[in-house]
Amino acid sequence: MRINSLVYCEGLFGESDGKIANGLVRYSEKYEILGIIDSTKAGMDSGEHLDGAKNNIPVFKNTKEALQSLNVKPKCFIIGLALTEAYLPLDLIEATKEAMKYGMDIVNGLPVFLKDNNELTENAKKYNVEIYDIRKPKSLTELKLFTGKIDTVEVPVVAIFGLDCAIGKRTTCMEVLQELKSNNINAVFVATGQTGVLQGAKYGVPIDVINSQYVAGEIESAVVAAFENEDPDVILIEGQSSLSHPAYLSSYGIIKGAMPDAFIVQYAPKRKIRADFPLLKVPSLESEIKLIEYIAKKPVIGITINHENMSKLEIDKAIKDCEKKFHIPTTDVLKYGSKKITDEILKIFPDLSKNTAS
């Protein structure tokens, strides 16, 4: 049974830094999302604001309004922001304290841990609620080094990479996962970020807070566990940031730890500057594909479009242009579905077709 929850995303719902809330609204196996807290979009339907289709998950001005409107009391208050700051904003602290007062456990996906804040831990004790810092890494003694056991994985591993942070890699991953499952393919998802973990991924870990020496080993361990426990036909693993991003090493760890057999690349044609890095330009799609294939020695087999700030005509032109230039299937999974991509996966790995529904 999913856990009834509110998601706090003040001022950022639908934006790249609201990606945790965005992801939970679209997919969540662990939490039943009752509403979003964002006073700047209060009164809206979250699905209509996010994807143009109603999902009956309302956006509220604040927690008090949400509790007055809902027939079900939320068990959890999820921090749905993906901030880069190394501190907790005051408004977030106040909203968290208010949620505690109403008896909600706090689920935090930020890299700043709420349990390190004395005021919040004292309030948690006062109101008898729990704080879950889901990005807090295990101790060094619990972390795993790379072993080479990834070579025992005998099914295809497909990674969804991209040109930037918060560009839709995980969303594409989930769309492809669902399409494969609808075709009777036992596809398993391995998460590498906090949103995937919050959505209920059985395998994976937020890798950006792990000591770099153990990143490849933790990814390897997750992929191997998924293979050994689930008897999958294919494993999908989400990328983090981009391979070319100078600020992050996550993509290298994913390549080393998961050793993907193929890649899908998420591309936002209108994004020219990297998210949260105003001095860094987004590289060309061609250069990113070349870099991935050079480092991984495996092919990019599909391109998926992030349609931010694009009209339908622009989306369709981008799809046509990419297919003409790179000769691989291209689609916008939120507009047109992921069948092009899954068909290519079945073509590249023909043994999977044996399991498809007739």
Protein backbone atom coordinates (compact mmCIF):
# COMPACT_ATOMS: atom_id res chain seq x y z
CA MET A 1 0.00 0.00 0.00
CA ARG A 2 1.35 3.40 -0.97
CA ILE A 3 1.96 6.02 1.71
CA ASN A 4 -0.30 9.10 1.63
CA SER A 5 1.94 12.15 1.20
CA LEU A 6 2.19 15.85 0.48
CA VAL A 7 5.09 17.19 -1.58
CA TYR A 8 6.66 20.56 -0.80
CA CYS A 9 7.90 22.41 -3.88
CA GLU A 10 7.48 26.12 -3.12
CA GLY A 11 8.00 28.28 -6.20
CA LEU A 12 9.56 25.53 -8.30
CA PHE A 13 6.89 23.01 -9.26
CA GLY A 14 7.22 22.27 -12.96
CA GLU A 15 10.73 23.78 -13.07
CA SER A 16 14.00 21.88 -13.35
CA ASP A 17 14.78 22.44 -9.65
CA GLY A 18 11.38 20.98 -8.79
CA LYS A 19 12.26 17.69 -10.46
CA ILE A 20 11.61 15.55 -7.37
CA ALA A 21 8.03 16.83 -7.15
CA ASN A 22 7.65 16.58 -10.92
CA GLY A 23 8.82 12.98 -10.88
CA LEU A 24 6.59 11.94 -7.99
CA VAL A 25 3.53 13.42 -9.69
CA ARG A 26 4.24 11.40 -12.82
CA TYR A 27 5.25 8.08 -11.21
CA SER A 28 5.37 6.77 -7.67
CA GLU A 29 5.17 3.20 -6.47
CA LYS A 30 5.95 4.04 -2.85
CA TYR A 31 3.96 7.22 -2.15
CA GLU A 32 0.37 8.21 -2.91
CA ILE A 33 0.72 11.89 -3.75
CA LEU A 34 -2.27 13.77 -2.37
CA GLY A 35 -1.11 17.25 -3.26
CA ILE A 36 1.71 19.67 -4.02
CA ILE A 37 2.61 22.69 -1.89
CA ASP A 38 3.52 25.67 -4.10
CA SER A 39 1.80 28.98 -3.43
CA THR A 40 2.76 30.32 -6.87
CA LYS A 41 0.64 27.64 -8.59
CA ALA A 42 -2.08 27.21 -5.94
CA GLY A 43 -5.43 26.15 -7.36
CA MET A 44 -3.94 24.39 -10.37
CA ASP A 45 -4.11 20.71 -11.22
CA SER A 46 -0.55 19.42 -11.02
CA GLY A 47 -0.84 17.16 -14.06
CA GLU A 48 -2.35 19.90 -16.19
CA HIS A 49 0.43 22.30 -15.20
CA LEU A 50 3.17 19.73 -15.72
CA ASP A 51 2.06 17.81 -18.81
CA GLY A 52 -1.17 19.40 -20.03
CA ALA A 53 -3.40 16.57 -18.76
CA LYS A 54 -5.32 16.54 -15.50
CA ASN A 55 -4.34 13.98 -12.86
CA ASN A 56 -6.53 15.27 -10.00
CA ILE A 57 -3.53 15.98 -7.77
CA PRO A 58 -4.13 19.57 -6.62
CA VAL A 59 -1.59 22.28 -5.90
CA PHE A 60 -2.12 24.03 -2.56
CA LYS A 61 -0.98 27.36 -1.15
CA ASN A 62 0.35 25.80 2.05
CA THR A 63 0.06 22.76 4.31
CA LYS A 64 -2.83 24.17 6.31
CA GLU A 65 -4.91 24.68 3.17
CA ALA A 66 -4.04 21.17 1.98
CA LEU A 67 -5.16 19.56 5.24
CA GLN A 68 -8.40 21.55 5.23
CA SER A 69 -9.17 20.41 1.68
CA LEU A 70 -8.11 16.75 1.77
CA ASN A 71 -10.30 13.94 3.07
CA VAL A 72 -7.25 11.82 3.90
CA LYS A 73 -4.50 12.83 6.32
CA PRO A 74 -1.01 12.63 4.81
CA LYS A 75 1.49 10.42 6.58
CA CYS A 76 4.56 12.00 4.97
CA PHE A 77 5.76 15.45 3.96
CA ILE A 78 8.24 15.06 1.10
CA ILE A 79 10.77 17.76 0.25
CA GLY A 80 10.26 17.94 -3.50
CA LEU A 81 12.99 20.47 -4.31
CA ALA A 82 16.35 19.73 -5.89
CA LEU A 83 18.38 22.68 -4.65
CA THR A 84 22.13 23.04 -5.13
CA GLU A 85 22.70 25.26 -2.07
CA ALA A 86 24.57 23.77 0.88
CA TYR A 87 22.10 25.16 3.40
CA LEU A 88 18.40 24.89 4.25
CA PRO A 89 16.33 27.92 3.19
CA LEU A 90 14.35 29.48 6.03
CA ASP A 91 10.99 29.00 4.32
CA LEU A 92 11.72 25.29 3.93
CA ILE A 93 12.62 24.98 7.61
CA GLU A 94 9.38 26.72 8.61
CA ALA A 95 7.28 24.56 6.28
CA THR A 96 8.96 21.44 7.65
CA LYS A 97 8.27 22.48 11.23
CA GLU A 98 4.63 23.11 10.35
CA ALA A 99 4.31 19.64 8.79
CA MET A 100 5.81 18.10 11.93
CA LYS A 101 3.25 19.95 14.04
CA TYR A 102 0.54 18.23 12.02
CA GLY A 103 2.11 14.83 12.72
CA MET A 104 3.77 14.13 9.39
CA ASP A 105 7.04 12.27 8.96
CA ILE A 106 9.57 14.20 6.85
CA VAL A 107 11.17 12.65 3.76
CA ASN A 108 14.13 14.67 2.54
CA GLY A 109 15.91 14.18 -0.78
CA LEU A 110 18.25 17.15 -0.43
CA PRO A 111 22.02 16.69 0.02
CA VAL A 112 21.69 18.83 3.17
CA PHE A 113 20.49 16.53 5.93
CA LEU A 114 17.62 17.60 8.18
CA LYS A 115 18.89 15.43 11.03
CA ASP A 116 21.94 17.71 11.20
CA ASN A 117 19.65 20.63 12.07
CA ASN A 118 19.14 20.77 15.84
CA GLU A 119 15.93 22.76 15.61
CA LEU A 120 14.33 20.22 13.29
CA THR A 121 15.48 17.19 15.28
CA GLU A 122 14.10 18.73 18.45
CA ASN A 123 10.79 19.38 16.73
CA ALA A 124 10.70 15.81 15.44
CA LYS A 125 11.06 14.54 19.02
CA LYS A 126 8.45 17.02 20.27
CA TYR A 127 5.82 15.88 17.77
CA ASN A 128 6.92 12.23 17.70
CA VAL A 129 7.65 12.13 13.97
CA GLU A 130 10.51 10.70 11.93
CA ILE A 131 13.02 12.36 9.61
CA TYR A 132 14.28 10.35 6.65
CA ASP A 133 17.35 11.81 4.90
CA ILE A 134 17.30 9.46 1.93
CA ARG A 135 20.52 10.80 0.42
CA LYS A 136 22.59 10.23 3.53
CA PRO A 137 25.19 7.68 2.42
CA LYS A 138 26.07 4.51 4.20
CA SER A 139 29.21 4.45 6.29
CA LEU A 140 32.46 3.70 4.46
CA THR A 141 32.53 0.24 6.00
CA GLU A 142 29.19 -0.54 4.34
CA LEU A 143 30.01 0.81 0.89
CA LYS A 144 31.10 -1.59 -1.83
CA LEU A 145 34.13 -1.41 -4.07
CA PHE A 146 33.94 -2.53 -7.68
CA THR A 147 34.63 -6.27 -7.98
CA GLY A 148 34.14 -7.18 -11.64
CA LYS A 149 31.03 -9.20 -10.84
CA ILE A 150 29.17 -7.05 -13.36
CA ASP A 151 30.51 -9.52 -15.95
CA THR A 152 28.10 -12.12 -14.57
CA VAL A 153 25.09 -10.06 -15.71
CA GLU A 154 23.83 -11.89 -18.78
CA VAL A 155 21.07 -9.54 -19.92
CA PRO A 156 21.29 -6.21 -21.74
CA VAL A 157 21.87 -3.11 -19.64
CA VAL A 158 20.59 0.09 -21.27
CA ALA A 159 21.53 3.48 -19.82
CA ILE A 160 19.61 6.70 -20.34
CA PHE A 161 22.12 9.55 -20.48
CA GLY A 162 21.64 13.21 -21.39
CA LEU A 163 23.25 16.54 -22.15
CA ASP A 164 22.62 18.14 -18.76
CA CYS A 165 21.20 17.83 -15.27
CA ALA A 166 17.41 17.83 -14.78
CA ILE A 167 16.79 17.20 -18.47
CA GLY A 168 14.41 14.23 -18.25
CA LYS A 169 16.63 11.14 -18.14
CA ARG A 170 14.70 9.44 -15.36
CA THR A 171 11.34 10.37 -16.87
CA THR A 172 12.39 8.81 -20.17
CA CYS A 173 13.66 5.78 -18.26
CA MET A 174 10.26 5.30 -16.62
CA GLU A 175 8.39 5.70 -19.90
CA VAL A 176 10.61 3.13 -21.63
CA LEU A 177 10.30 0.81 -18.62
CA GLN A 178 6.50 0.90 -18.75
CA GLU A 179 6.42 0.36 -22.52
CA LEU A 180 8.72 -2.66 -22.24
CA LYS A 181 6.60 -4.15 -19.44
CA SER A 182 3.46 -3.65 -21.51
CA ASN A 183 5.12 -5.88 -24.13
CA ASN A 184 5.69 -8.67 -21.60
CA ILE A 185 9.37 -7.77 -21.19
CA ASN A 186 10.63 -8.14 -17.63
CA ALA A 187 12.43 -4.80 -17.42
CA VAL A 188 13.99 -3.70 -14.14
CA PHE A 189 14.92 -0.13 -13.21
CA VAL A 190 18.08 0.80 -11.31
CA ALA A 191 17.97 4.28 -9.79
CA THR A 192 21.04 6.46 -9.37
CA GLY A 193 19.39 9.59 -7.95
CA GLN A 194 17.13 10.62 -5.11
CA THR A 195 13.93 10.92 -7.17
CA GLY A 196 14.16 7.37 -8.48
CA VAL A 197 14.68 6.10 -4.95
CA LEU A 198 11.72 8.14 -3.71
CA GLN A 199 9.56 6.80 -6.53
CA GLY A 200 10.11 3.35 -5.07
CA ALA A 201 12.95 1.86 -7.08
CA LYS A 202 13.88 -1.48 -5.54
CA TYR A 203 17.49 -1.19 -6.70
CA GLY A 204 19.89 1.71 -6.68
CA VAL A 205 21.25 4.52 -4.56
CA PRO A 206 21.71 8.31 -4.89
CA ILE A 207 25.31 8.24 -6.07
CA ASP A 208 26.15 11.93 -5.92
CA VAL A 209 26.74 11.85 -2.16
CA ILE A 210 28.89 8.70 -2.16
CA ASN A 211 32.67 8.81 -1.77
CA SER A 212 33.93 8.65 -5.37
CA GLN A 213 36.02 5.54 -4.68
CA TYR A 214 32.83 3.54 -4.11
CA VAL A 215 30.49 4.89 -6.78
CA ALA A 216 31.29 2.23 -9.41
CA GLY A 217 31.07 -0.51 -6.79
CA GLU A 218 27.68 0.63 -5.47
CA ILE A 219 26.29 0.80 -9.01
CA GLU A 220 27.74 -2.60 -9.86
CA SER A 221 26.21 -4.04 -6.69
CA ALA A 222 22.75 -2.65 -7.55
CA VAL A 223 22.80 -3.95 -11.14
CA VAL A 224 24.05 -7.38 -10.06
CA ALA A 225 21.39 -7.59 -7.34
CA ALA A 226 18.69 -6.68 -9.85
CA PHE A 227 19.95 -9.41 -12.18
CA GLU A 228 20.22 -12.08 -9.50
CA ASN A 229 16.93 -11.33 -7.75
CA GLU A 230 14.52 -10.39 -10.54
CA ASP A 231 15.48 -12.70 -13.44
CA PRO A 232 15.09 -9.71 -15.78
CA ASP A 233 15.10 -9.64 -19.56
CA VAL A 234 16.68 -6.18 -19.58
CA ILE A 235 17.94 -3.67 -17.01
CA LEU A 236 17.47 0.08 -17.41
CA ILE A 237 19.71 2.45 -15.47
CA GLU A 238 19.25 6.21 -15.25
CA GLY A 239 22.13 8.54 -15.95
CA GLN A 240 23.13 11.51 -13.81
CA SER A 241 24.11 14.95 -15.09
CA SER A 242 26.01 14.38 -18.35
CA LEU A 243 29.25 12.72 -19.28
CA SER A 244 30.64 16.04 -20.51
CA HIS A 245 29.63 18.06 -17.44
CA PRO A 246 32.80 19.45 -15.83
CA ALA A 247 31.25 19.65 -12.37
CA TYR A 248 30.18 16.01 -11.98
CA LEU A 249 31.75 12.56 -12.28
CA SER A 250 28.56 10.51 -11.87
CA SER A 251 28.25 9.40 -15.50
CA TYR A 252 31.73 7.90 -15.46
CA GLY A 253 30.80 5.86 -12.40
CA ILE A 254 27.68 4.58 -14.14
CA ILE A 255 29.65 3.50 -17.20
CA LYS A 256 32.30 1.80 -15.07
CA GLY A 257 29.89 0.18 -12.62
CA ALA A 258 27.00 -0.86 -14.86
CA MET A 259 28.96 -1.37 -18.11
CA PRO A 260 25.89 -0.56 -20.25
CA ASP A 261 25.44 -2.35 -23.56
CA ALA A 262 23.64 0.60 -25.17
CA PHE A 263 22.64 4.20 -24.49
CA ILE A 264 19.70 6.49 -25.06
CA VAL A 265 20.46 10.22 -24.98
CA GLN A 266 18.06 12.87 -23.68
CA TYR A 267 18.34 16.19 -25.52
CA ALA A 268 16.73 19.61 -24.95
CA PRO A 269 17.22 21.55 -28.22
CA LYS A 270 16.30 24.91 -26.68
CA ARG A 271 18.57 24.60 -23.64
CA LYS A 272 21.78 26.48 -24.33
CA ILE A 273 23.13 26.97 -20.77
CA ARG A 274 23.57 24.20 -18.21
CA ALA A 275 21.04 24.13 -15.36
CA ASP A 276 22.37 25.97 -12.28
CA PHE A 277 25.64 26.77 -14.08
CA PRO A 278 25.15 30.09 -15.91
CA LEU A 279 28.74 30.17 -17.18
CA LEU A 280 28.59 26.72 -18.79
CA LYS A 281 27.15 26.11 -22.25
CA VAL A 282 25.35 22.90 -23.12
CA PRO A 283 27.46 20.99 -25.66
CA SER A 284 26.19 19.86 -29.02
CA LEU A 285 24.25 16.61 -29.25
CA GLU A 286 26.81 15.30 -31.72
CA SER A 287 29.74 15.90 -29.36
CA GLU A 288 27.92 14.23 -26.44
CA ILE A 289 27.10 11.15 -28.50
CA LYS A 290 30.70 10.91 -29.69
CA LEU A 291 31.98 11.23 -26.11
CA ILE A 292 29.64 8.53 -24.78
CA GLU A 293 30.54 6.11 -27.55
CA TYR A 294 34.26 6.85 -27.18
CA ILE A 295 34.32 6.31 -23.41
CA ALA A 296 31.87 3.40 -23.19
CA LYS A 297 32.75 1.69 -26.48
CA LYS A 298 29.02 0.99 -26.88
CA PRO A 299 26.43 2.57 -29.20
CA VAL A 300 23.88 5.29 -28.67
CA ILE A 301 20.72 3.67 -30.09
CA GLY A 302 18.12 6.37 -29.56
CA ILE A 303 17.52 10.06 -28.86
CA THR A 304 14.70 11.45 -26.74
CA ILE A 305 13.61 15.07 -26.84
CA ASN A 306 12.93 17.30 -23.85
CA HIS A 307 10.40 19.76 -25.25
CA GLU A 308 10.97 22.63 -22.80
CA ASN A 309 10.11 25.97 -24.45
CA MET A 310 9.27 24.22 -27.74
CA SER A 311 6.17 24.31 -29.92
CA LYS A 312 4.78 21.16 -31.53
CA LEU A 313 6.24 22.23 -34.87
CA GLU A 314 9.66 22.68 -33.26
CA ILE A 315 9.45 19.28 -31.55
CA ASP A 316 8.54 17.54 -34.80
CA LYS A 317 11.33 19.31 -36.65
CA ALA A 318 13.87 18.36 -33.96
CA ILE A 319 12.82 14.72 -34.21
CA LYS A 320 13.09 14.75 -38.00
CA ASP A 321 16.46 16.53 -37.94
CA CYS A 322 17.97 14.13 -35.38
CA GLU A 323 16.84 11.06 -37.28
CA LYS A 324 18.20 12.45 -40.53
CA LYS A 325 21.56 13.38 -39.01
CA PHE A 326 22.21 10.45 -36.66
CA HIS A 327 20.17 7.68 -38.31
CA ILE A 328 18.74 6.46 -35.01
CA PRO A 329 15.16 6.59 -33.68
CA THR A 330 14.18 9.87 -32.03
CA THR A 331 11.02 10.79 -30.14
CA ASP A 332 9.53 12.90 -27.37
CA VAL A 333 8.31 10.25 -24.93
CA LEU A 334 5.88 12.59 -23.16
CA LYS A 335 4.27 13.70 -26.43
CA TYR A 336 4.51 10.61 -28.59
CA GLY A 337 5.36 7.72 -26.28
CA SER A 338 8.45 5.55 -26.24
CA LYS A 339 7.54 2.84 -28.78
CA LYS A 340 10.25 4.00 -31.21
CA ILE A 341 12.84 3.50 -28.49
CA THR A 342 11.56 0.15 -27.25
CA ASP A 343 11.30 -1.12 -30.82
CA GLU A 344 14.96 -0.24 -31.30
CA ILE A 345 15.91 -2.00 -28.05
CA LEU A 346 14.13 -5.12 -29.31
CA LYS A 347 15.90 -4.79 -32.66
CA ILE A 348 19.36 -4.39 -31.11
CA PHE A 349 18.75 -7.20 -28.61
CA PRO A 350 16.60 -9.68 -30.60
CA ASP A 351 16.47 -12.28 -27.82
CA LEU A 352 14.10 -9.95 -25.97
CA SER A 353 11.53 -10.33 -28.76
CA LYS A 354 10.98 -13.94 -27.74
CA ASN A 355 9.19 -12.68 -24.63
CA THR A 356 6.93 -10.08 -26.25
CA ALA A 357 3.20 -10.51 -26.03
CA SER A 358 1.54 -11.71 -29.20
